[in-house]
């Protein structure tokens, strides 16, 4: 059997098997990430957000003492900060477990 760009048939089969194993591992890592829950807080724990790896907010807790009808802007900022922190945690975890691959395999 003729080689393909210098690869014999056996070598090509081995490369395909390695690629399939890598793809399966990436899928397992993706599922683990999506099923993880990330906790983030802001304002010294006044606002807490729980978000899945799919970036779905599953819980939001606001301590009563941070609710000031005269300063809704501060509360909004605290909520945004907590959500942004959870998103950063997801981004960091994604970068940690996913290989850098051309074409964005993840």
PDB file of N, CA and C in Angstrom:
ATOM      1  N   UNK A   1       0.847  -1.189   0.000  1.00  0.00           N
ATOM      2  CA  UNK A   1       0.000   0.000   0.000  1.00  0.00           C
ATOM      3  C   UNK A   1       0.882   1.239   0.000  1.00  0.00           C
ATOM      4  N   UNK A   2       0.583   2.156  -0.842  1.00  0.00           N
ATOM      5  CA  UNK A   2       1.390   3.368  -0.977  1.00  0.00           C
ATOM      6  C   UNK A   2       1.177   4.265   0.235  1.00  0.00           C
ATOM      7  N   UNK A   3       2.214   4.978   0.620  1.00  0.00           N
ATOM      8  CA  UNK A   3       2.120   5.892   1.750  1.00  0.00           C
ATOM      9  C   UNK A   3       1.351   7.147   1.370  1.00  0.00           C
ATOM     10  N   UNK A   4       0.919   7.867   2.359  1.00  0.00           N
ATOM     11  CA  UNK A   4       0.200   9.128   2.176  1.00  0.00           C
ATOM     12  C   UNK A   4       1.070  10.223   2.759  1.00  0.00           C
ATOM     13  N   UNK A   5       1.659  11.019   1.878  1.00  0.00           N
ATOM     14  CA  UNK A   5       2.577  12.075   2.309  1.00  0.00           C
ATOM     15  C   UNK A   5       3.662  11.533   3.231  1.00  0.00           C
ATOM     16  N   UNK A   6       4.187  10.367   2.899  1.00  0.00           N
ATOM     17  CA  UNK A   6       5.270   9.816   3.681  1.00  0.00           C
ATOM     18  C   UNK A   6       4.814   8.948   4.837  1.00  0.00           C
ATOM     19  N   UNK A   7       3.513   8.858   5.091  1.00  0.00           N
ATOM     20  CA  UNK A   7       3.012   8.014   6.164  1.00  0.00           C
ATOM     21  C   UNK A   7       2.545   6.702   5.575  1.00  0.00           C
ATOM     22  N   UNK A   8       2.945   5.610   6.181  1.00  0.00           N
ATOM     23  CA  UNK A   8       2.428   4.316   5.758  1.00  0.00           C
ATOM     24  C   UNK A   8       1.025   4.148   6.294  1.00  0.00           C
ATOM     25  N   UNK A   9       0.323   3.131   5.812  1.00  0.00           N
ATOM     26  CA  UNK A   9      -1.052   2.887   6.252  1.00  0.00           C
ATOM     27  C   UNK A   9      -1.156   2.680   7.749  1.00  0.00           C
ATOM     28  N   UNK A  10      -0.207   1.948   8.347  1.00  0.00           N
ATOM     29  CA  UNK A  10      -0.245   1.686   9.785  1.00  0.00           C
ATOM     30  C   UNK A  10      -0.075   2.981  10.574  1.00  0.00           C
ATOM     31  N   UNK A  11       0.844   3.826  10.118  1.00  0.00           N
ATOM     32  CA  UNK A  11       1.055   5.098  10.814  1.00  0.00           C
ATOM     33  C   UNK A  11      -0.186   5.981  10.746  1.00  0.00           C
ATOM     34  N   UNK A  12      -0.855   5.973   9.607  1.00  0.00           N
ATOM     35  CA  UNK A  12      -2.065   6.782   9.447  1.00  0.00           C
ATOM     36  C   UNK A  12      -3.156   6.258  10.384  1.00  0.00           C
ATOM     37  N   UNK A  13      -3.276   4.942  10.489  1.00  0.00           N
ATOM     38  CA  UNK A  13      -4.273   4.358  11.398  1.00  0.00           C
ATOM     39  C   UNK A  13      -3.981   4.781  12.841  1.00  0.00           C
ATOM     40  N   UNK A  14      -2.707   4.765  13.200  1.00  0.00           N
ATOM     41  CA  UNK A  14      -2.328   5.155  14.554  1.00  0.00           C
ATOM     42  C   UNK A  14      -2.637   6.632  14.802  1.00  0.00           C
ATOM     43  N   UNK A  15      -2.357   7.470  13.830  1.00  0.00           N
ATOM     44  CA  UNK A  15      -2.681   8.895  13.966  1.00  0.00           C
ATOM     45  C   UNK A  15      -4.184   9.112  14.126  1.00  0.00           C
ATOM     46  N   UNK A  16      -4.968   8.385  13.360  1.00  0.00           N
ATOM     47  CA  UNK A  16      -6.426   8.511  13.458  1.00  0.00           C
ATOM     48  C   UNK A  16      -6.923   8.053  14.828  1.00  0.00           C
ATOM     49  N   UNK A  17      -6.343   6.976  15.357  1.00  0.00           N
ATOM     50  CA  UNK A  17      -6.733   6.501  16.685  1.00  0.00           C
ATOM     51  C   UNK A  17      -6.372   7.524  17.753  1.00  0.00           C
ATOM     52  N   UNK A  18      -5.189   8.137  17.633  1.00  0.00           N
ATOM     53  CA  UNK A  18      -4.785   9.163  18.588  1.00  0.00           C
ATOM     54  C   UNK A  18      -5.705  10.374  18.520  1.00  0.00           C
ATOM     55  N   UNK A  19      -6.074  10.750  17.318  1.00  0.00           N
ATOM     56  CA  UNK A  19      -6.987  11.888  17.149  1.00  0.00           C
ATOM     57  C   UNK A  19      -8.342  11.574  17.762  1.00  0.00           C
ATOM     58  N   UNK A  20      -8.813  10.356  17.588  1.00  0.00           N
ATOM     59  CA  UNK A  20     -10.106   9.969  18.156  1.00  0.00           C
ATOM     60  C   UNK A  20     -10.034   9.972  19.683  1.00  0.00           C
ATOM     61  N   UNK A  21      -8.936   9.468  20.259  1.00  0.00           N
ATOM     62  CA  UNK A  21      -8.774   9.480  21.712  1.00  0.00           C
ATOM     63  C   UNK A  21      -8.772  10.913  22.241  1.00  0.00           C
ATOM     64  N   UNK A  22      -8.062  11.791  21.536  1.00  0.00           N
ATOM     65  CA  UNK A  22      -8.005  13.180  21.949  1.00  0.00           C
ATOM     66  C   UNK A  22      -9.393  13.814  21.876  1.00  0.00           C
ATOM     67  N   UNK A  23     -10.136  13.520  20.839  1.00  0.00           N
ATOM     68  CA  UNK A  23     -11.482  14.062  20.695  1.00  0.00           C
ATOM     69  C   UNK A  23     -12.389  13.567  21.828  1.00  0.00           C
ATOM     70  N   UNK A  24     -12.255  12.296  22.190  1.00  0.00           N
ATOM     71  CA  UNK A  24     -13.054  11.752  23.287  1.00  0.00           C
ATOM     72  C   UNK A  24     -12.700  12.426  24.608  1.00  0.00           C
ATOM     73  N   UNK A  25     -11.401  12.666  24.830  1.00  0.00           N
ATOM     74  CA  UNK A  25     -10.973  13.338  26.055  1.00  0.00           C
ATOM     75  C   UNK A  25     -11.500  14.768  26.097  1.00  0.00           C
ATOM     76  N   UNK A  26     -11.460  15.453  24.982  1.00  0.00           N
ATOM     77  CA  UNK A  26     -11.986  16.821  24.921  1.00  0.00           C
ATOM     78  C   UNK A  26     -13.481  16.819  25.244  1.00  0.00           C
ATOM     79  N   UNK A  27     -14.205  15.839  24.730  1.00  0.00           N
ATOM     80  CA  UNK A  27     -15.641  15.751  25.011  1.00  0.00           C
ATOM     81  C   UNK A  27     -15.889  15.506  26.506  1.00  0.00           C
ATOM     82  N   UNK A  28     -15.091  14.617  27.126  1.00  0.00           N
ATOM     83  CA  UNK A  28     -15.240  14.372  28.566  1.00  0.00           C
ATOM     84  C   UNK A  28     -14.936  15.646  29.361  1.00  0.00           C
ATOM     85  N   UNK A  29     -13.864  16.339  28.968  1.00  0.00           N
ATOM     86  CA  UNK A  29     -13.502  17.585  29.651  1.00  0.00           C
ATOM     87  C   UNK A  29     -14.600  18.635  29.496  1.00  0.00           C
ATOM     88  N   UNK A  30     -15.169  18.722  28.303  1.00  0.00           N
ATOM     89  CA  UNK A  30     -16.253  19.684  28.049  1.00  0.00           C
ATOM     90  C   UNK A  30     -17.455  19.373  28.938  1.00  0.00           C
ATOM     91  N   UNK A  31     -17.819  18.099  29.029  1.00  0.00           N
ATOM     92  CA  UNK A  31     -18.964  17.719  29.862  1.00  0.00           C
ATOM     93  C   UNK A  31     -18.694  18.008  31.331  1.00  0.00           C
ATOM     94  N   UNK A  32     -17.463  17.738  31.779  1.00  0.00           N
ATOM     95  CA  UNK A  32     -17.104  18.023  33.167  1.00  0.00           C
ATOM     96  C   UNK A  32     -17.207  19.522  33.438  1.00  0.00           C
ATOM     97  N   UNK A  33     -16.697  20.325  32.522  1.00  0.00           N
ATOM     98  CA  UNK A  33     -16.767  21.780  32.669  1.00  0.00           C
ATOM     99  C   UNK A  33     -18.216  22.244  32.720  1.00  0.00           C
ATOM    100  N   UNK A  34     -19.036  21.770  31.779  1.00  0.00           N
ATOM    101  CA  UNK A  34     -20.430  22.209  31.721  1.00  0.00           C
ATOM    102  C   UNK A  34     -21.210  21.813  32.968  1.00  0.00           C
ATOM    103  N   UNK A  35     -20.833  20.701  33.610  1.00  0.00           N
ATOM    104  CA  UNK A  35     -21.545  20.234  34.800  1.00  0.00           C
ATOM    105  C   UNK A  35     -20.988  20.817  36.098  1.00  0.00           C
ATOM    106  N   UNK A  36     -19.899  21.550  35.996  1.00  0.00           N
ATOM    107  CA  UNK A  36     -19.314  22.180  37.183  1.00  0.00           C
ATOM    108  C   UNK A  36     -20.120  23.412  37.565  1.00  0.00           C
ATOM    109  N   UNK A  37     -20.075  23.751  38.852  1.00  0.00           N
ATOM    110  CA  UNK A  37     -20.727  24.963  39.342  1.00  0.00           C
ATOM    111  C   UNK A  37     -19.637  25.869  39.898  1.00  0.00           C
ATOM    112  N   UNK A  38     -19.664  27.118  39.482  1.00  0.00           N
ATOM    113  CA  UNK A  38     -18.674  28.106  39.889  1.00  0.00           C
ATOM    114  C   UNK A  38     -19.343  29.114  40.815  1.00  0.00           C
ATOM    115  N   UNK A  39     -18.703  29.369  41.951  1.00  0.00           N
ATOM    116  CA  UNK A  39     -19.230  30.316  42.935  1.00  0.00           C
ATOM    117  C   UNK A  39     -18.404  31.590  42.888  1.00  0.00           C
ATOM    118  N   UNK A  40     -19.078  32.720  42.888  1.00  0.00           N
ATOM    119  CA  UNK A  40     -18.392  34.002  42.893  1.00  0.00           C
ATOM    120  C   UNK A  40     -19.141  34.951  43.813  1.00  0.00           C
ATOM    121  N   UNK A  41     -18.378  35.822  44.448  1.00  0.00           N
ATOM    122  CA  UNK A  41     -18.988  36.813  45.333  1.00  0.00           C
ATOM    123  C   UNK A  41     -18.440  38.195  45.014  1.00  0.00           C
ATOM    124  N   UNK A  42     -19.136  39.190  45.510  1.00  0.00           N
ATOM    125  CA  UNK A  42     -18.655  40.569  45.420  1.00  0.00           C
ATOM    126  C   UNK A  42     -19.127  41.306  46.667  1.00  0.00           C
ATOM    127  N   UNK A  43     -18.531  42.453  46.875  1.00  0.00           N
ATOM    128  CA  UNK A  43     -18.914  43.251  48.049  1.00  0.00           C
ATOM    129  C   UNK A  43     -18.623  42.541  49.352  1.00  0.00           C
ATOM    130  N   UNK A  44     -17.524  41.792  49.401  1.00  0.00           N
ATOM    131  CA  UNK A  44     -17.175  41.089  50.636  1.00  0.00           C
ATOM    132  C   UNK A  44     -18.187  40.026  51.003  1.00  0.00           C
ATOM    133  N   UNK A  45     -18.795  39.408  49.998  1.00  0.00           N
ATOM    134  CA  UNK A  45     -19.767  38.351  50.245  1.00  0.00           C
ATOM    135  C   UNK A  45     -21.204  38.830  50.307  1.00  0.00           C
ATOM    136  N   UNK A  46     -21.421  40.110  50.014  1.00  0.00           N
ATOM    137  CA  UNK A  46     -22.785  40.645  50.049  1.00  0.00           C
ATOM    138  C   UNK A  46     -23.647  40.088  48.915  1.00  0.00           C
ATOM    139  N   UNK A  47     -23.010  39.791  47.782  1.00  0.00           N
ATOM    140  CA  UNK A  47     -23.711  39.209  46.636  1.00  0.00           C
ATOM    141  C   UNK A  47     -22.973  37.937  46.258  1.00  0.00           C
ATOM    142  N   UNK A  48     -23.717  36.856  46.074  1.00  0.00           N
ATOM    143  CA  UNK A  48     -23.132  35.578  45.673  1.00  0.00           C
ATOM    144  C   UNK A  48     -23.869  35.054  44.449  1.00  0.00           C
ATOM    145  N   UNK A  49     -23.092  34.604  43.470  1.00  0.00           N
ATOM    146  CA  UNK A  49     -23.644  34.036  42.243  1.00  0.00           C
ATOM    147  C   UNK A  49     -23.098  32.630  42.076  1.00  0.00           C
ATOM    148  N   UNK A  50     -23.959  31.711  41.688  1.00  0.00           N
ATOM    149  CA  UNK A  50     -23.539  30.366  41.303  1.00  0.00           C
ATOM    150  C   UNK A  50     -23.901  30.192  39.836  1.00  0.00           C
ATOM    151  N   UNK A  51     -22.913  29.755  39.055  1.00  0.00           N
ATOM    152  CA  UNK A  51     -23.102  29.640  37.611  1.00  0.00           C
ATOM    153  C   UNK A  51     -22.516  28.313  37.146  1.00  0.00           C
ATOM    154  N   UNK A  52     -23.203  27.661  36.203  1.00  0.00           N
ATOM    155  CA  UNK A  52     -22.672  26.428  35.643  1.00  0.00           C
ATOM    156  C   UNK A  52     -21.630  26.752  34.578  1.00  0.00           C
ATOM    157  N   UNK A  53     -20.892  25.721  34.176  1.00  0.00           N
ATOM    158  CA  UNK A  53     -19.925  25.877  33.103  1.00  0.00           C
ATOM    159  C   UNK A  53     -20.571  26.237  31.778  1.00  0.00           C
ATOM    160  N   UNK A  54     -21.880  26.069  31.685  1.00  0.00           N
ATOM    161  CA  UNK A  54     -22.629  26.490  30.490  1.00  0.00           C
ATOM    162  C   UNK A  54     -23.002  27.970  30.584  1.00  0.00           C
ATOM    163  N   UNK A  55     -22.538  28.610  31.643  1.00  0.00           N
ATOM    164  CA  UNK A  55     -22.774  30.029  31.904  1.00  0.00           C
ATOM    165  C   UNK A  55     -24.245  30.328  32.221  1.00  0.00           C
ATOM    166  N   UNK A  56     -24.888  29.369  32.867  1.00  0.00           N
ATOM    167  CA  UNK A  56     -26.262  29.571  33.332  1.00  0.00           C
ATOM    168  C   UNK A  56     -26.212  29.917  34.814  1.00  0.00           C
ATOM    169  N   UNK A  57     -26.823  31.033  35.187  1.00  0.00           N
ATOM    170  CA  UNK A  57     -26.895  31.404  36.595  1.00  0.00           C
ATOM    171  C   UNK A  57     -27.936  30.497  37.241  1.00  0.00           C
ATOM    172  N   UNK A  58     -27.490  29.759  38.280  1.00  0.00           N
ATOM    173  CA  UNK A  58     -28.407  28.832  38.951  1.00  0.00           C
ATOM    174  C   UNK A  58     -28.791  29.321  40.341  1.00  0.00           C
ATOM    175  N   UNK A  59     -28.059  30.314  40.857  1.00  0.00           N
ATOM    176  CA  UNK A  59     -28.415  30.875  42.161  1.00  0.00           C
ATOM    177  C   UNK A  59     -27.846  32.287  42.265  1.00  0.00           C
ATOM    178  N   UNK A  60     -28.607  33.123  42.929  1.00  0.00           N
ATOM    179  CA  UNK A  60     -28.181  34.494  43.215  1.00  0.00           C
ATOM    180  C   UNK A  60     -28.668  34.821  44.615  1.00  0.00           C
ATOM    181  N   UNK A  61     -27.730  35.166  45.496  1.00  0.00           N
ATOM    182  CA  UNK A  61     -28.085  35.525  46.869  1.00  0.00           C
ATOM    183  C   UNK A  61     -27.599  36.939  47.144  1.00  0.00           C
ATOM    184  N   UNK A  62     -28.478  37.717  47.728  1.00  0.00           N
ATOM    185  CA  UNK A  62     -28.166  39.100  48.077  1.00  0.00           C
ATOM    186  C   UNK A  62     -28.468  39.275  49.563  1.00  0.00           C
ATOM    187  N   UNK A  63     -27.483  39.696  50.322  1.00  0.00           N
ATOM    188  CA  UNK A  63     -27.705  39.928  51.749  1.00  0.00           C
ATOM    189  C   UNK A  63     -28.571  41.175  51.912  1.00  0.00           C
ATOM    190  N   UNK A  64     -29.549  41.114  52.797  1.00  0.00           N
ATOM    191  CA  UNK A  64     -30.499  42.228  52.963  1.00  0.00           C
ATOM    192  C   UNK A  64     -29.835  43.568  53.259  1.00  0.00           C
ATOM    193  N   UNK A  65     -28.729  43.552  53.991  1.00  0.00           N
ATOM    194  CA  UNK A  65     -28.102  44.823  54.367  1.00  0.00           C
ATOM    195  C   UNK A  65     -27.499  45.584  53.194  1.00  0.00           C
ATOM    196  N   UNK A  66     -27.335  44.921  52.035  1.00  0.00           N
ATOM    197  CA  UNK A  66     -26.788  45.617  50.870  1.00  0.00           C
ATOM    198  C   UNK A  66     -27.897  46.267  50.034  1.00  0.00           C
ATOM    199  N   UNK A  67     -29.138  45.940  50.342  1.00  0.00           N
ATOM    200  CA  UNK A  67     -30.266  46.488  49.577  1.00  0.00           C
ATOM    201  C   UNK A  67     -30.623  47.860  50.150  1.00  0.00           C
ATOM    202  N   UNK A  68     -30.297  48.869  49.381  1.00  0.00           N
ATOM    203  CA  UNK A  68     -30.590  50.254  49.764  1.00  0.00           C
ATOM    204  C   UNK A  68     -31.372  50.886  48.618  1.00  0.00           C
ATOM    205  N   UNK A  69     -32.662  51.150  48.830  1.00  0.00           N
ATOM    206  CA  UNK A  69     -33.477  51.738  47.755  1.00  0.00           C
ATOM    207  C   UNK A  69     -32.910  53.042  47.220  1.00  0.00           C
ATOM    208  N   UNK A  70     -32.067  53.715  48.004  1.00  0.00           N
ATOM    209  CA  UNK A  70     -31.465  54.971  47.578  1.00  0.00           C
ATOM    210  C   UNK A  70     -30.200  54.756  46.741  1.00  0.00           C
ATOM    211  N   UNK A  71     -29.727  53.503  46.692  1.00  0.00           N
ATOM    212  CA  UNK A  71     -28.472  53.235  45.969  1.00  0.00           C
ATOM    213  C   UNK A  71     -28.569  51.924  45.185  1.00  0.00           C
ATOM    214  N   UNK A  72     -29.521  51.861  44.298  1.00  0.00           N
ATOM    215  CA  UNK A  72     -29.707  50.683  43.447  1.00  0.00           C
ATOM    216  C   UNK A  72     -28.498  50.473  42.541  1.00  0.00           C
ATOM    217  N   UNK A  73     -27.848  51.538  42.128  1.00  0.00           N
ATOM    218  CA  UNK A  73     -26.669  51.427  41.261  1.00  0.00           C
ATOM    219  C   UNK A  73     -25.586  50.558  41.893  1.00  0.00           C
ATOM    220  N   UNK A  74     -25.368  50.705  43.197  1.00  0.00           N
ATOM    221  CA  UNK A  74     -24.342  49.919  43.865  1.00  0.00           C
ATOM    222  C   UNK A  74     -24.710  48.434  43.823  1.00  0.00           C
ATOM    223  N   UNK A  75     -25.957  48.116  44.085  1.00  0.00           N
ATOM    224  CA  UNK A  75     -26.397  46.725  44.057  1.00  0.00           C
ATOM    225  C   UNK A  75     -26.231  46.143  42.653  1.00  0.00           C
ATOM    226  N   UNK A  76     -26.614  46.901  41.654  1.00  0.00           N
ATOM    227  CA  UNK A  76     -26.438  46.442  40.274  1.00  0.00           C
ATOM    228  C   UNK A  76     -24.960  46.181  39.972  1.00  0.00           C
ATOM    229  N   UNK A  77     -24.088  47.066  40.427  1.00  0.00           N
ATOM    230  CA  UNK A  77     -22.647  46.894  40.208  1.00  0.00           C
ATOM    231  C   UNK A  77     -22.130  45.631  40.901  1.00  0.00           C
ATOM    232  N   UNK A  78     -22.620  45.362  42.105  1.00  0.00           N
ATOM    233  CA  UNK A  78     -22.196  44.164  42.830  1.00  0.00           C
ATOM    234  C   UNK A  78     -22.636  42.893  42.111  1.00  0.00           C
ATOM    235  N   UNK A  79     -23.843  42.906  41.585  1.00  0.00           N
ATOM    236  CA  UNK A  79     -24.339  41.737  40.847  1.00  0.00           C
ATOM    237  C   UNK A  79     -23.509  41.527  39.582  1.00  0.00           C
ATOM    238  N   UNK A  80     -23.252  42.594  38.856  1.00  0.00           N
ATOM    239  CA  UNK A  80     -22.438  42.501  37.635  1.00  0.00           C
ATOM    240  C   UNK A  80     -21.042  41.989  37.963  1.00  0.00           C
ATOM    241  N   UNK A  81     -20.447  42.491  39.037  1.00  0.00           N
ATOM    242  CA  UNK A  81     -19.095  42.070  39.422  1.00  0.00           C
ATOM    243  C   UNK A  81     -19.064  40.578  39.748  1.00  0.00           C
ATOM    244  N   UNK A  82     -20.070  40.091  40.450  1.00  0.00           N
ATOM    245  CA  UNK A  82     -20.107  38.666  40.798  1.00  0.00           C
ATOM    246  C   UNK A  82     -20.276  37.804  39.546  1.00  0.00           C
ATOM    247  N   UNK A  83     -21.138  38.221  38.639  1.00  0.00           N
ATOM    248  CA  UNK A  83     -21.337  37.465  37.399  1.00  0.00           C
ATOM    249  C   UNK A  83     -20.058  37.470  36.566  1.00  0.00           C
ATOM    250  N   UNK A  84     -19.409  38.618  36.471  1.00  0.00           N
ATOM    251  CA  UNK A  84     -18.156  38.696  35.711  1.00  0.00           C
ATOM    252  C   UNK A  84     -17.076  37.815  36.329  1.00  0.00           C
ATOM    253  N   UNK A  85     -17.034  37.756  37.656  1.00  0.00           N
ATOM    254  CA  UNK A  85     -16.053  36.901  38.327  1.00  0.00           C
ATOM    255  C   UNK A  85     -16.329  35.430  38.020  1.00  0.00           C
ATOM    256  N   UNK A  86     -17.581  35.025  38.042  1.00  0.00           N
ATOM    257  CA  UNK A  86     -17.925  33.635  37.711  1.00  0.00           C
ATOM    258  C   UNK A  86     -17.531  33.323  36.264  1.00  0.00           C
ATOM    259  N   UNK A  87     -17.800  34.243  35.357  1.00  0.00           N
ATOM    260  CA  UNK A  87     -17.404  34.044  33.958  1.00  0.00           C
ATOM    261  C   UNK A  87     -15.888  33.913  33.820  1.00  0.00           C
ATOM    262  N   UNK A  88     -15.133  34.694  34.565  1.00  0.00           N
ATOM    263  CA  UNK A  88     -13.675  34.609  34.516  1.00  0.00           C
ATOM    264  C   UNK A  88     -13.210  33.248  35.033  1.00  0.00           C
ATOM    265  N   UNK A  89     -13.839  32.757  36.091  1.00  0.00           N
ATOM    266  CA  UNK A  89     -13.487  31.435  36.609  1.00  0.00           C
ATOM    267  C   UNK A  89     -13.719  30.358  35.553  1.00  0.00           C
ATOM    268  N   UNK A  90     -14.824  30.465  34.832  1.00  0.00           N
ATOM    269  CA  UNK A  90     -15.128  29.502  33.766  1.00  0.00           C
ATOM    270  C   UNK A  90     -14.098  29.612  32.652  1.00  0.00           C
ATOM    271  N   UNK A  91     -13.751  30.839  32.268  1.00  0.00           N
ATOM    272  CA  UNK A  91     -12.730  31.040  31.235  1.00  0.00           C
ATOM    273  C   UNK A  91     -11.387  30.445  31.660  1.00  0.00           C
ATOM    274  N   UNK A  92     -11.006  30.673  32.924  1.00  0.00           N
ATOM    275  CA  UNK A  92      -9.735  30.150  33.426  1.00  0.00           C
ATOM    276  C   UNK A  92      -9.737  28.625  33.431  1.00  0.00           C
ATOM    277  N   UNK A  93     -10.831  28.031  33.860  1.00  0.00           N
ATOM    278  CA  UNK A  93     -10.926  26.567  33.895  1.00  0.00           C
ATOM    279  C   UNK A  93     -10.900  26.006  32.482  1.00  0.00           C
ATOM    280  N   UNK A  94     -11.584  26.666  31.551  1.00  0.00           N
ATOM    281  CA  UNK A  94     -11.595  26.227  30.155  1.00  0.00           C
ATOM    282  C   UNK A  94     -10.176  26.248  29.596  1.00  0.00           C
ATOM    283  N   UNK A  95      -9.449  27.323  29.846  1.00  0.00           N
ATOM    284  CA  UNK A  95      -8.072  27.435  29.350  1.00  0.00           C
ATOM    285  C   UNK A  95      -7.176  26.369  29.980  1.00  0.00           C
ATOM    286  N   UNK A  96      -7.470  26.010  31.218  1.00  0.00           N
ATOM    287  CA  UNK A  96      -6.661  25.018  31.929  1.00  0.00           C
ATOM    288  C   UNK A  96      -6.854  23.614  31.370  1.00  0.00           C
ATOM    289  N   UNK A  97      -8.089  23.262  31.048  1.00  0.00           N
ATOM    290  CA  UNK A  97      -8.351  21.865  30.660  1.00  0.00           C
ATOM    291  C   UNK A  97      -8.408  21.643  29.152  1.00  0.00           C
ATOM    292  N   UNK A  98      -8.573  22.697  28.389  1.00  0.00           N
ATOM    293  CA  UNK A  98      -8.683  22.522  26.940  1.00  0.00           C
ATOM    294  C   UNK A  98      -7.370  22.874  26.268  1.00  0.00           C
ATOM    295  N   UNK A  99      -6.912  22.009  25.373  1.00  0.00           N
ATOM    296  CA  UNK A  99      -5.672  22.312  24.663  1.00  0.00           C
ATOM    297  C   UNK A  99      -5.890  23.452  23.683  1.00  0.00           C
ATOM    298  N   UNK A 100      -4.841  24.172  23.413  1.00  0.00           N
ATOM    299  CA  UNK A 100      -4.911  25.217  22.389  1.00  0.00           C
ATOM    300  C   UNK A 100      -4.835  24.540  21.042  1.00  0.00           C
ATOM    301  N   UNK A 101      -5.912  24.606  20.317  1.00  0.00           N
ATOM    302  CA  UNK A 101      -5.966  23.940  19.028  1.00  0.00           C
ATOM    303  C   UNK A 101      -6.429  24.901  17.966  1.00  0.00           C
ATOM    304  N   UNK A 102      -5.832  24.824  16.816  1.00  0.00           N
ATOM    305  CA  UNK A 102      -6.311  25.671  15.730  1.00  0.00           C
ATOM    306  C   UNK A 102      -7.735  25.304  15.355  1.00  0.00           C
ATOM    307  N   UNK A 103      -8.511  26.270  15.010  1.00  0.00           N
ATOM    308  CA  UNK A 103      -9.880  25.997  14.600  1.00  0.00           C
ATOM    309  C   UNK A 103     -10.838  25.916  15.744  1.00  0.00           C
ATOM    310  N   UNK A 104     -10.376  26.104  16.986  1.00  0.00           N
ATOM    311  CA  UNK A 104     -11.263  26.108  18.134  1.00  0.00           C
ATOM    312  C   UNK A 104     -12.028  24.818  18.315  1.00  0.00           C
ATOM    313  N   UNK A 105     -11.348  23.750  18.655  1.00  0.00           N
ATOM    314  CA  UNK A 105     -12.027  22.458  18.837  1.00  0.00           C
ATOM    315  C   UNK A 105     -13.010  22.510  19.978  1.00  0.00           C
ATOM    316  N   UNK A 106     -12.878  23.499  20.894  1.00  0.00           N
ATOM    317  CA  UNK A 106     -13.842  23.643  21.978  1.00  0.00           C
ATOM    318  C   UNK A 106     -14.718  24.775  21.629  1.00  0.00           C
TER     319      UNK A 106
END
